[in-house]
Amino acid sequence: ALAGSDAEVRRRIRAHPQVLASFFQNADLLEHHTAEAA
């Protein structure tokens, strides 16, 4: 899911706006030096 095109990724996350909001709100918990976090 994370490796999809921008359009695929955008469509997938926008289908769940509460999840998008929580991802944004909790972004400080990502280990920023990892590829997964990027």
Full PDB file with SEQRES, HELIX, SHEET, SSBOND, CRYST1, ORIGX, SCALE, CONECT and MASTER records, all heavy atoms in Angstrom:
SEQRES   1 A   38  ALA LEU ALA GLY SER ASP ALA GLU VAL ARG ARG ARG ILE          
SEQRES   2 A   38  ARG ALA HIS PRO GLN VAL LEU ALA SER PHE PHE GLN ASN          
SEQRES   3 A   38  ALA ASP LEU LEU GLU HIS HIS THR ALA GLU ALA ALA              
HELIX    1 AA1 ASP A    6  ARG A   14  1                                   9    
HELIX    2 AA2 PRO A   17  GLN A   25  1                                   9    
HELIX    3 AA3 ALA A   27  LEU A   29  5                                   3    
CRYST1    1.000    1.000    1.000  90.00  90.00  90.00 P 1           1          
ORIGX1      1.000000  0.000000  0.000000        0.00000                         
ORIGX2      0.000000  1.000000  0.000000        0.00000                         
ORIGX3      0.000000  0.000000  1.000000        0.00000                         
SCALE1      1.000000  0.000000  0.000000        0.00000                         
SCALE2      0.000000  1.000000  0.000000        0.00000                         
SCALE3      0.000000  0.000000  1.000000        0.00000                         
ATOM      1  N   ALA A   1       0.829  -1.209   0.000  1.00  0.00           N  
ATOM      2  CA  ALA A   1       0.000   0.000   0.000  1.00  0.00           C  
ATOM      3  C   ALA A   1       0.861   1.256   0.000  1.00  0.00           C  
ATOM      4  O   ALA A   1       0.586   2.215  -0.711  1.00  0.00           O  
ATOM      5  CB  ALA A   1      -0.937   0.000   1.210  1.00  0.00           C  
ATOM      6  N   LEU A   2       1.915   1.243   0.790  1.00  0.00           N  
ATOM      7  CA  LEU A   2       2.781   2.416   0.891  1.00  0.00           C  
ATOM      8  C   LEU A   2       3.589   2.655  -0.379  1.00  0.00           C  
ATOM      9  O   LEU A   2       3.979   3.781  -0.663  1.00  0.00           O  
ATOM     10  CB  LEU A   2       3.731   2.266   2.081  1.00  0.00           C  
ATOM     11  CG  LEU A   2       3.080   2.324   3.460  1.00  0.00           C  
ATOM     12  CD1 LEU A   2       4.107   1.996   4.534  1.00  0.00           C  
ATOM     13  CD2 LEU A   2       2.447   3.671   3.709  1.00  0.00           C  
ATOM     14  N   ALA A   3       3.830   1.606  -1.157  1.00  0.00           N  
ATOM     15  CA  ALA A   3       4.667   1.727  -2.344  1.00  0.00           C  
ATOM     16  C   ALA A   3       3.881   2.055  -3.617  1.00  0.00           C  
ATOM     17  O   ALA A   3       4.461   2.184  -4.678  1.00  0.00           O  
ATOM     18  CB  ALA A   3       5.457   0.442  -2.549  1.00  0.00           C  
ATOM     19  N   GLY A   4       2.567   2.224  -3.507  1.00  0.00           N  
ATOM     20  CA  GLY A   4       1.757   2.521  -4.683  1.00  0.00           C  
ATOM     21  C   GLY A   4       2.034   3.910  -5.240  1.00  0.00           C  
ATOM     22  O   GLY A   4       2.767   4.709  -4.663  1.00  0.00           O  
ATOM     23  N   SER A   5       1.420   4.191  -6.378  1.00  0.00           N  
ATOM     24  CA  SER A   5       1.548   5.522  -6.974  1.00  0.00           C  
ATOM     25  C   SER A   5       0.872   6.550  -6.076  1.00  0.00           C  
ATOM     26  O   SER A   5       0.042   6.205  -5.230  1.00  0.00           O  
ATOM     27  CB  SER A   5       0.901   5.544  -8.356  1.00  0.00           C  
ATOM     28  OG  SER A   5      -0.509   5.482  -8.232  1.00  0.00           O  
ATOM     29  N   ASP A   6       1.212   7.818  -6.268  1.00  0.00           N  
ATOM     30  CA  ASP A   6       0.579   8.868  -5.470  1.00  0.00           C  
ATOM     31  C   ASP A   6      -0.938   8.818  -5.593  1.00  0.00           C  
ATOM     32  O   ASP A   6      -1.649   8.995  -4.609  1.00  0.00           O  
ATOM     33  CB  ASP A   6       1.087  10.251  -5.879  1.00  0.00           C  
ATOM     34  CG  ASP A   6       2.456  10.570  -5.299  1.00  0.00           C  
ATOM     35  OD1 ASP A   6       2.957   9.776  -4.479  1.00  0.00           O  
ATOM     36  OD2 ASP A   6       3.013  11.612  -5.667  1.00  0.00           O  
ATOM     37  N   ALA A   7      -1.453   8.581  -6.791  1.00  0.00           N  
ATOM     38  CA  ALA A   7      -2.901   8.533  -6.993  1.00  0.00           C  
ATOM     39  C   ALA A   7      -3.531   7.371  -6.224  1.00  0.00           C  
ATOM     40  O   ALA A   7      -4.577   7.535  -5.592  1.00  0.00           O  
ATOM     41  CB  ALA A   7      -3.229   8.426  -8.479  1.00  0.00           C  
ATOM     42  N   GLU A   8      -2.881   6.196  -6.255  1.00  0.00           N  
ATOM     43  CA  GLU A   8      -3.387   5.041  -5.516  1.00  0.00           C  
ATOM     44  C   GLU A   8      -3.365   5.299  -4.018  1.00  0.00           C  
ATOM     45  O   GLU A   8      -4.318   5.001  -3.308  1.00  0.00           O  
ATOM     46  CB  GLU A   8      -2.547   3.801  -5.821  1.00  0.00           C  
ATOM     47  CG  GLU A   8      -2.673   3.288  -7.226  1.00  0.00           C  
ATOM     48  CD  GLU A   8      -1.610   2.252  -7.550  1.00  0.00           C  
ATOM     49  OE1 GLU A   8      -0.563   2.192  -6.853  1.00  0.00           O  
ATOM     50  OE2 GLU A   8      -1.809   1.502  -8.516  1.00  0.00           O  
ATOM     51  N   VAL A   9      -2.255   5.836  -3.552  1.00  0.00           N  
ATOM     52  CA  VAL A   9      -2.092   6.115  -2.126  1.00  0.00           C  
ATOM     53  C   VAL A   9      -3.119   7.159  -1.681  1.00  0.00           C  
ATOM     54  O   VAL A   9      -3.767   7.012  -0.650  1.00  0.00           O  
ATOM     55  CB  VAL A   9      -0.645   6.586  -1.840  1.00  0.00           C  
ATOM     56  CG1 VAL A   9      -0.512   7.186  -0.465  1.00  0.00           C  
ATOM     57  CG2 VAL A   9       0.321   5.424  -2.020  1.00  0.00           C  
ATOM     58  N   ARG A  10      -3.278   8.195  -2.474  1.00  0.00           N  
ATOM     59  CA  ARG A  10      -4.242   9.263  -2.167  1.00  0.00           C  
ATOM     60  C   ARG A  10      -5.660   8.688  -2.088  1.00  0.00           C  
ATOM     61  O   ARG A  10      -6.401   8.965  -1.158  1.00  0.00           O  
ATOM     62  CB  ARG A  10      -4.161  10.352  -3.241  1.00  0.00           C  
ATOM     63  CG  ARG A  10      -5.005  11.556  -2.970  1.00  0.00           C  
ATOM     64  CD  ARG A  10      -4.916  12.606  -4.079  1.00  0.00           C  
ATOM     65  NE  ARG A  10      -3.555  13.005  -4.361  1.00  0.00           N  
ATOM     66  CZ  ARG A  10      -2.920  12.774  -5.502  1.00  0.00           C  
ATOM     67  NH1 ARG A  10      -3.509  12.146  -6.495  1.00  0.00           N  
ATOM     68  NH2 ARG A  10      -1.680  13.186  -5.674  1.00  0.00           N  
ATOM     69  N   ARG A  11      -6.032   7.873  -3.062  1.00  0.00           N  
ATOM     70  CA  ARG A  11      -7.367   7.279  -3.090  1.00  0.00           C  
ATOM     71  C   ARG A  11      -7.592   6.395  -1.860  1.00  0.00           C  
ATOM     72  O   ARG A  11      -8.629   6.455  -1.208  1.00  0.00           O  
ATOM     73  CB  ARG A  11      -7.543   6.463  -4.376  1.00  0.00           C  
ATOM     74  CG  ARG A  11      -8.953   5.911  -4.545  1.00  0.00           C  
ATOM     75  CD  ARG A  11      -9.071   4.950  -5.718  1.00  0.00           C  
ATOM     76  NE  ARG A  11      -8.599   3.618  -5.323  1.00  0.00           N  
ATOM     77  CZ  ARG A  11      -7.423   3.086  -5.643  1.00  0.00           C  
ATOM     78  NH1 ARG A  11      -6.568   3.738  -6.365  1.00  0.00           N  
ATOM     79  NH2 ARG A  11      -7.082   1.883  -5.235  1.00  0.00           N  
ATOM     80  N   ARG A  12      -6.597   5.595  -1.531  1.00  0.00           N  
ATOM     81  CA  ARG A  12      -6.724   4.652  -0.420  1.00  0.00           C  
ATOM     82  C   ARG A  12      -6.910   5.380   0.916  1.00  0.00           C  
ATOM     83  O   ARG A  12      -7.802   5.056   1.688  1.00  0.00           O  
ATOM     84  CB  ARG A  12      -5.475   3.755  -0.376  1.00  0.00           C  
ATOM     85  CG  ARG A  12      -5.620   2.557   0.492  1.00  0.00           C  
ATOM     86  CD  ARG A  12      -4.422   1.630   0.369  1.00  0.00           C  
ATOM     87  NE  ARG A  12      -4.313   1.073  -0.971  1.00  0.00           N  
ATOM     88  CZ  ARG A  12      -3.268   1.287  -1.784  1.00  0.00           C  
ATOM     89  NH1 ARG A  12      -2.246   2.010  -1.404  1.00  0.00           N  
ATOM     90  NH2 ARG A  12      -3.235   0.749  -2.982  1.00  0.00           N  
ATOM     91  N   ILE A  13      -6.092   6.373   1.177  1.00  0.00           N  
ATOM     92  CA  ILE A  13      -6.164   7.058   2.472  1.00  0.00           C  
ATOM     93  C   ILE A  13      -7.374   7.982   2.539  1.00  0.00           C  
ATOM     94  O   ILE A  13      -7.980   8.144   3.590  1.00  0.00           O  
ATOM     95  CB  ILE A  13      -4.854   7.792   2.822  1.00  0.00           C  
ATOM     96  CG1 ILE A  13      -4.832   8.245   4.284  1.00  0.00           C  
ATOM     97  CG2 ILE A  13      -4.609   8.971   1.913  1.00  0.00           C  
ATOM     98  CD1 ILE A  13      -4.637   7.185   5.285  1.00  0.00           C  
ATOM     99  N   ARG A  14      -7.752   8.580   1.427  1.00  0.00           N  
ATOM    100  CA  ARG A  14      -8.929   9.454   1.435  1.00  0.00           C  
ATOM    101  C   ARG A  14     -10.227   8.686   1.661  1.00  0.00           C  
ATOM    102  O   ARG A  14     -11.229   9.274   2.039  1.00  0.00           O  
ATOM    103  CB  ARG A  14      -9.005  10.262   0.153  1.00  0.00           C  
ATOM    104  CG  ARG A  14      -8.041  11.419   0.141  1.00  0.00           C  
ATOM    105  CD  ARG A  14      -8.274  12.250  -1.068  1.00  0.00           C  
ATOM    106  NE  ARG A  14      -7.445  13.437  -1.058  1.00  0.00           N  
ATOM    107  CZ  ARG A  14      -7.366  14.267  -2.077  1.00  0.00           C  
ATOM    108  NH1 ARG A  14      -8.067  14.049  -3.161  1.00  0.00           N  
ATOM    109  NH2 ARG A  14      -6.587  15.320  -2.002  1.00  0.00           N  
ATOM    110  N   ALA A  15     -10.209   7.396   1.419  1.00  0.00           N  
ATOM    111  CA  ALA A  15     -11.396   6.578   1.685  1.00  0.00           C  
ATOM    112  C   ALA A  15     -11.657   6.469   3.189  1.00  0.00           C  
ATOM    113  O   ALA A  15     -12.742   6.079   3.605  1.00  0.00           O  
ATOM    114  CB  ALA A  15     -11.219   5.186   1.080  1.00  0.00           C  
ATOM    115  N   HIS A  16     -10.671   6.844   3.975  1.00  0.00           N  
ATOM    116  CA  HIS A  16     -10.766   6.759   5.443  1.00  0.00           C  
ATOM    117  C   HIS A  16     -10.288   8.080   6.046  1.00  0.00           C  
ATOM    118  O   HIS A  16      -9.170   8.156   6.575  1.00  0.00           O  
ATOM    119  CB  HIS A  16      -9.917   5.596   5.961  1.00  0.00           C  
ATOM    120  CG  HIS A  16     -10.300   4.278   5.379  1.00  0.00           C  
ATOM    121  ND1 HIS A  16     -11.389   3.575   5.811  1.00  0.00           N  
ATOM    122  CD2 HIS A  16      -9.756   3.561   4.359  1.00  0.00           C  
ATOM    123  CE1 HIS A  16     -11.496   2.462   5.108  1.00  0.00           C  
ATOM    124  NE2 HIS A  16     -10.522   2.438   4.216  1.00  0.00           N  
ATOM    125  N   PRO A  17     -11.094   9.129   5.966  1.00  0.00           N  
ATOM    126  CA  PRO A  17     -10.634  10.446   6.421  1.00  0.00           C  
ATOM    127  C   PRO A  17     -10.246  10.501   7.898  1.00  0.00           C  
ATOM    128  O   PRO A  17      -9.332  11.236   8.264  1.00  0.00           O  
ATOM    129  CB  PRO A  17     -11.811  11.380   6.118  1.00  0.00           C  
ATOM    130  CG  PRO A  17     -12.981  10.500   5.867  1.00  0.00           C  
ATOM    131  CD  PRO A  17     -12.461   9.176   5.439  1.00  0.00           C  
ATOM    132  N   GLN A  18     -10.887   9.704   8.749  1.00  0.00           N  
ATOM    133  CA  GLN A  18     -10.508   9.703  10.165  1.00  0.00           C  
ATOM    134  C   GLN A  18      -9.124   9.102  10.348  1.00  0.00           C  
ATOM    135  O   GLN A  18      -8.354   9.540  11.200  1.00  0.00           O  
ATOM    136  CB  GLN A  18     -11.531   8.935  11.024  1.00  0.00           C  
ATOM    137  CG  GLN A  18     -12.909   9.525  10.996  1.00  0.00           C  
ATOM    138  CD  GLN A  18     -13.797   8.867   9.937  1.00  0.00           C  
ATOM    139  OE1 GLN A  18     -13.335   8.290   8.959  1.00  0.00           O  
ATOM    140  NE2 GLN A  18     -15.094   8.973  10.130  1.00  0.00           N  
ATOM    141  N   VAL A  19      -8.803   8.097   9.536  1.00  0.00           N  
ATOM    142  CA  VAL A  19      -7.470   7.493   9.601  1.00  0.00           C  
ATOM    143  C   VAL A  19      -6.430   8.503   9.120  1.00  0.00           C  
ATOM    144  O   VAL A  19      -5.378   8.669   9.745  1.00  0.00           O  
ATOM    145  CB  VAL A  19      -7.410   6.181   8.792  1.00  0.00           C  
ATOM    146  CG1 VAL A  19      -5.995   5.613   8.779  1.00  0.00           C  
ATOM    147  CG2 VAL A  19      -8.392   5.159   9.355  1.00  0.00           C  
ATOM    148  N   LEU A  20      -6.725   9.202   8.038  1.00  0.00           N  
ATOM    149  CA  LEU A  20      -5.820  10.242   7.552  1.00  0.00           C  
ATOM    150  C   LEU A  20      -5.574  11.284   8.637  1.00  0.00           C  
ATOM    151  O   LEU A  20      -4.425  11.657   8.899  1.00  0.00           O  
ATOM    152  CB  LEU A  20      -6.400  10.914   6.301  1.00  0.00           C  
ATOM    153  CG  LEU A  20      -5.667  12.160   5.799  1.00  0.00           C  
ATOM    154  CD1 LEU A  20      -4.215  11.859   5.460  1.00  0.00           C  
ATOM    155  CD2 LEU A  20      -6.405  12.751   4.603  1.00  0.00           C  
ATOM    156  N   ALA A  21      -6.630  11.735   9.293  1.00  0.00           N  
ATOM    157  CA  ALA A  21      -6.478  12.737  10.353  1.00  0.00           C  
ATOM    158  C   ALA A  21      -5.617  12.209  11.494  1.00  0.00           C  
ATOM    159  O   ALA A  21      -4.757  12.923  12.016  1.00  0.00           O  
ATOM    160  CB  ALA A  21      -7.849  13.160  10.875  1.00  0.00           C  
ATOM    161  N   SER A  22      -5.809  10.952  11.851  1.00  0.00           N  
ATOM    162  CA  SER A  22      -5.023  10.378  12.940  1.00  0.00           C  
ATOM    163  C   SER A  22      -3.574  10.163  12.518  1.00  0.00           C  
ATOM    164  O   SER A  22      -2.656  10.359  13.323  1.00  0.00           O  
ATOM    165  CB  SER A  22      -5.645   9.066  13.407  1.00  0.00           C  
ATOM    166  OG  SER A  22      -5.024   8.638  14.596  1.00  0.00           O  
ATOM    167  N   PHE A  23      -3.342   9.776  11.265  1.00  0.00           N  
ATOM    168  CA  PHE A  23      -1.966   9.661  10.773  1.00  0.00           C  
ATOM    169  C   PHE A  23      -1.269  11.015  10.892  1.00  0.00           C  
ATOM    170  O   PHE A  23      -0.140  11.095  11.350  1.00  0.00           O  
ATOM    171  CB  PHE A  23      -1.949   9.209   9.316  1.00  0.00           C  
ATOM    172  CG  PHE A  23      -2.053   7.728   9.091  1.00  0.00           C  
ATOM    173  CD1 PHE A  23      -2.546   6.860  10.053  1.00  0.00           C  
ATOM    174  CD2 PHE A  23      -1.664   7.187   7.878  1.00  0.00           C  
ATOM    175  CE1 PHE A  23      -2.653   5.507   9.827  1.00  0.00           C  
ATOM    176  CE2 PHE A  23      -1.751   5.836   7.636  1.00  0.00           C  
ATOM    177  CZ  PHE A  23      -2.243   4.985   8.607  1.00  0.00           C  
ATOM    178  N   PHE A  24      -1.948  12.050  10.465  1.00  0.00           N  
ATOM    179  CA  PHE A  24      -1.374  13.393  10.522  1.00  0.00           C  
ATOM    180  C   PHE A  24      -1.107  13.795  11.975  1.00  0.00           C  
ATOM    181  O   PHE A  24      -0.036  14.306  12.304  1.00  0.00           O  
ATOM    182  CB  PHE A  24      -2.317  14.388   9.841  1.00  0.00           C  
ATOM    183  CG  PHE A  24      -1.774  15.775   9.772  1.00  0.00           C  
ATOM    184  CD1 PHE A  24      -0.816  16.119   8.833  1.00  0.00           C  
ATOM    185  CD2 PHE A  24      -2.216  16.754  10.651  1.00  0.00           C  
ATOM    186  CE1 PHE A  24      -0.292  17.409   8.767  1.00  0.00           C  
ATOM    187  CE2 PHE A  24      -1.710  18.045  10.594  1.00  0.00           C  
ATOM    188  CZ  PHE A  24      -0.751  18.372   9.644  1.00  0.00           C  
ATOM    189  N   GLN A  25      -2.078  13.545  12.836  1.00  0.00           N  
ATOM    190  CA  GLN A  25      -1.959  13.940  14.240  1.00  0.00           C  
ATOM    191  C   GLN A  25      -0.839  13.188  14.966  1.00  0.00           C  
ATOM    192  O   GLN A  25      -0.217  13.732  15.870  1.00  0.00           O  
ATOM    193  CB  GLN A  25      -3.284  13.699  14.962  1.00  0.00           C  
ATOM    194  CG  GLN A  25      -3.275  14.143  16.402  1.00  0.00           C  
ATOM    195  CD  GLN A  25      -4.651  14.027  17.036  1.00  0.00           C  
ATOM    196  OE1 GLN A  25      -5.641  13.741  16.369  1.00  0.00           O  
ATOM    197  NE2 GLN A  25      -4.713  14.246  18.332  1.00  0.00           N  
ATOM    198  N   ASN A  26      -0.570  11.962  14.564  1.00  0.00           N  
ATOM    199  CA  ASN A  26       0.427  11.138  15.257  1.00  0.00           C  
ATOM    200  C   ASN A  26       1.754  11.024  14.514  1.00  0.00           C  
ATOM    201  O   ASN A  26       2.611  10.216  14.885  1.00  0.00           O  
ATOM    202  CB  ASN A  26      -0.149   9.735  15.506  1.00  0.00           C  
ATOM    203  CG  ASN A  26      -1.230   9.761  16.556  1.00  0.00           C  
ATOM    204  OD1 ASN A  26      -0.949   9.966  17.729  1.00  0.00           O  
ATOM    205  ND2 ASN A  26      -2.469   9.585  16.141  1.00  0.00           N  
ATOM    206  N   ALA A  27       1.956  11.842  13.494  1.00  0.00           N  
ATOM    207  CA  ALA A  27       3.177  11.763  12.684  1.00  0.00           C  
ATOM    208  C   ALA A  27       4.450  11.925  13.505  1.00  0.00           C  
ATOM    209  O   ALA A  27       5.500  11.386  13.140  1.00  0.00           O  
ATOM    210  CB  ALA A  27       3.132  12.797  11.562  1.00  0.00           C  
ATOM    211  N   ASP A  28       4.370  12.613  14.618  1.00  0.00           N  
ATOM    212  CA  ASP A  28       5.570  12.798  15.449  1.00  0.00           C  
ATOM    213  C   ASP A  28       6.061  11.484  16.062  1.00  0.00           C  
ATOM    214  O   ASP A  28       7.189  11.402  16.529  1.00  0.00           O  
ATOM    215  CB  ASP A  28       5.311  13.832  16.542  1.00  0.00           C  
ATOM    216  CG  ASP A  28       4.208  13.428  17.503  1.00  0.00           C  
ATOM    217  OD1 ASP A  28       3.168  12.897  17.046  1.00  0.00           O  
ATOM    218  OD2 ASP A  28       4.369  13.637  18.714  1.00  0.00           O  
ATOM    219  N   LEU A  29       5.245  10.441  16.018  1.00  0.00           N  
ATOM    220  CA  LEU A  29       5.645   9.149  16.569  1.00  0.00           C  
ATOM    221  C   LEU A  29       6.362   8.264  15.555  1.00  0.00           C  
ATOM    222  O   LEU A  29       6.840   7.184  15.901  1.00  0.00           O  
ATOM    223  CB  LEU A  29       4.424   8.410  17.121  1.00  0.00           C  
ATOM    224  CG  LEU A  29       3.720   9.116  18.279  1.00  0.00           C  
ATOM    225  CD1 LEU A  29       2.477   8.350  18.682  1.00  0.00           C  
ATOM    226  CD2 LEU A  29       4.665   9.274  19.464  1.00  0.00           C  
ATOM    227  N   LEU A  30       6.426   8.720  14.309  1.00  0.00           N  
ATOM    228  CA  LEU A  30       7.153   7.958  13.296  1.00  0.00           C  
ATOM    229  C   LEU A  30       8.650   8.048  13.548  1.00  0.00           C  
ATOM    230  O   LEU A  30       9.154   9.099  13.928  1.00  0.00           O  
ATOM    231  CB  LEU A  30       6.848   8.511  11.902  1.00  0.00           C  
ATOM    232  CG  LEU A  30       5.456   8.254  11.360  1.00  0.00           C  
ATOM    233  CD1 LEU A  30       5.209   9.118  10.137  1.00  0.00           C  
ATOM    234  CD2 LEU A  30       5.266   6.783  11.036  1.00  0.00           C  
ATOM    235  N   GLU A  31       9.345   6.947  13.334  1.00  0.00           N  
ATOM    236  CA  GLU A  31      10.806   6.952  13.399  1.00  0.00           C  
ATOM    237  C   GLU A  31      11.278   7.532  12.074  1.00  0.00           C  
ATOM    238  O   GLU A  31      11.396   6.828  11.074  1.00  0.00           O  
ATOM    239  CB  GLU A  31      11.328   5.538  13.615  1.00  0.00           C  
ATOM    240  CG  GLU A  31      10.969   4.974  14.979  1.00  0.00           C  
ATOM    241  CD  GLU A  31      11.592   3.615  15.196  1.00  0.00           C  
ATOM    242  OE1 GLU A  31      12.672   3.330  14.635  1.00  0.00           O  
ATOM    243  OE2 GLU A  31      10.986   2.827  15.929  1.00  0.00           O  
ATOM    244  N   HIS A  32      11.547   8.828  12.062  1.00  0.00           N  
ATOM    245  CA  HIS A  32      11.755   9.580  10.833  1.00  0.00           C  
ATOM    246  C   HIS A  32      12.943   9.128   9.989  1.00  0.00           C  
ATOM    247  O   HIS A  32      13.028   9.470   8.827  1.00  0.00           O  
ATOM    248  CB  HIS A  32      11.859  11.080  11.142  1.00  0.00           C  
ATOM    249  CG  HIS A  32      10.581  11.620  11.681  1.00  0.00           C  
ATOM    250  ND1 HIS A  32       9.494  11.860  10.888  1.00  0.00           N  
ATOM    251  CD2 HIS A  32      10.204  11.925  12.945  1.00  0.00           C  
ATOM    252  CE1 HIS A  32       8.495  12.309  11.616  1.00  0.00           C  
ATOM    253  NE2 HIS A  32       8.896  12.353  12.871  1.00  0.00           N  
ATOM    254  N   HIS A  33      13.831   8.361  10.541  1.00  0.00           N  
ATOM    255  CA  HIS A  33      15.001   7.913   9.785  1.00  0.00           C  
ATOM    256  C   HIS A  33      14.760   6.610   9.035  1.00  0.00           C  
ATOM    257  O   HIS A  33      15.677   6.071   8.418  1.00  0.00           O  
ATOM    258  CB  HIS A  33      16.203   7.769  10.726  1.00  0.00           C  
ATOM    259  CG  HIS A  33      15.980   6.742  11.790  1.00  0.00           C  
ATOM    260  ND1 HIS A  33      15.235   7.000  12.917  1.00  0.00           N  
ATOM    261  CD2 HIS A  33      16.373   5.451  11.882  1.00  0.00           C  
ATOM    262  CE1 HIS A  33      15.185   5.903  13.664  1.00  0.00           C  
ATOM    263  NE2 HIS A  33      15.862   4.966  13.065  1.00  0.00           N  
ATOM    264  N   THR A  34      13.533   6.092   9.042  1.00  0.00           N  
ATOM    265  CA  THR A  34      13.255   4.827   8.362  1.00  0.00           C  
ATOM    266  C   THR A  34      12.535   5.069   7.036  1.00  0.00           C  
ATOM    267  O   THR A  34      11.821   6.056   6.859  1.00  0.00           O  
ATOM    268  CB  THR A  34      12.378   3.898   9.233  1.00  0.00           C  
ATOM    269  OG1 THR A  34      11.090   4.489   9.384  1.00  0.00           O  
ATOM    270  CG2 THR A  34      13.019   3.641  10.589  1.00  0.00           C  
ATOM    271  N   ALA A  35      12.724   4.132   6.122  1.00  0.00           N  
ATOM    272  CA  ALA A  35      12.048   4.213   4.823  1.00  0.00           C  
ATOM    273  C   ALA A  35      10.534   4.131   5.006  1.00  0.00           C  
ATOM    274  O   ALA A  35       9.778   4.822   4.309  1.00  0.00           O  
ATOM    275  CB  ALA A  35      12.533   3.086   3.914  1.00  0.00           C  
ATOM    276  N   GLU A  36      10.092   3.326   5.951  1.00  0.00           N  
ATOM    277  CA  GLU A  36       8.665   3.178   6.196  1.00  0.00           C  
ATOM    278  C   GLU A  36       8.038   4.501   6.636  1.00  0.00           C  
ATOM    279  O   GLU A  36       6.950   4.862   6.193  1.00  0.00           O  
ATOM    280  CB  GLU A  36       8.396   2.105   7.261  1.00  0.00           C  
ATOM    281  CG  GLU A  36       8.778   0.707   6.829  1.00  0.00           C  
ATOM    282  CD  GLU A  36      10.231   0.354   7.140  1.00  0.00           C  
ATOM    283  OE1 GLU A  36      11.018   1.230   7.517  1.00  0.00           O  
ATOM    284  OE2 GLU A  36      10.565  -0.831   7.006  1.00  0.00           O  
ATOM    285  N   ALA A  37       8.730   5.223   7.487  1.00  0.00           N  
ATOM    286  CA  ALA A  37       8.225   6.521   7.944  1.00  0.00           C  
ATOM    287  C   ALA A  37       8.131   7.502   6.777  1.00  0.00           C  
ATOM    288  O   ALA A  37       7.165   8.262   6.664  1.00  0.00           O  
ATOM    289  CB  ALA A  37       9.111   7.092   9.037  1.00  0.00           C  
ATOM    290  N   ALA A  38       9.121   7.468   5.903  1.00  0.00           N  
ATOM    291  CA  ALA A  38       9.097   8.345   4.730  1.00  0.00           C  
ATOM    292  C   ALA A  38       7.903   8.021   3.847  1.00  0.00           C  
ATOM    293  O   ALA A  38       7.244   8.926   3.316  1.00  0.00           O  
ATOM    294  CB  ALA A  38      10.394   8.211   3.947  1.00  0.00           C  
TER     295      ALA A  38                                                      
MASTER        0    0    0    3    0    0    0    6  294    1    0    3          
END                                                                             
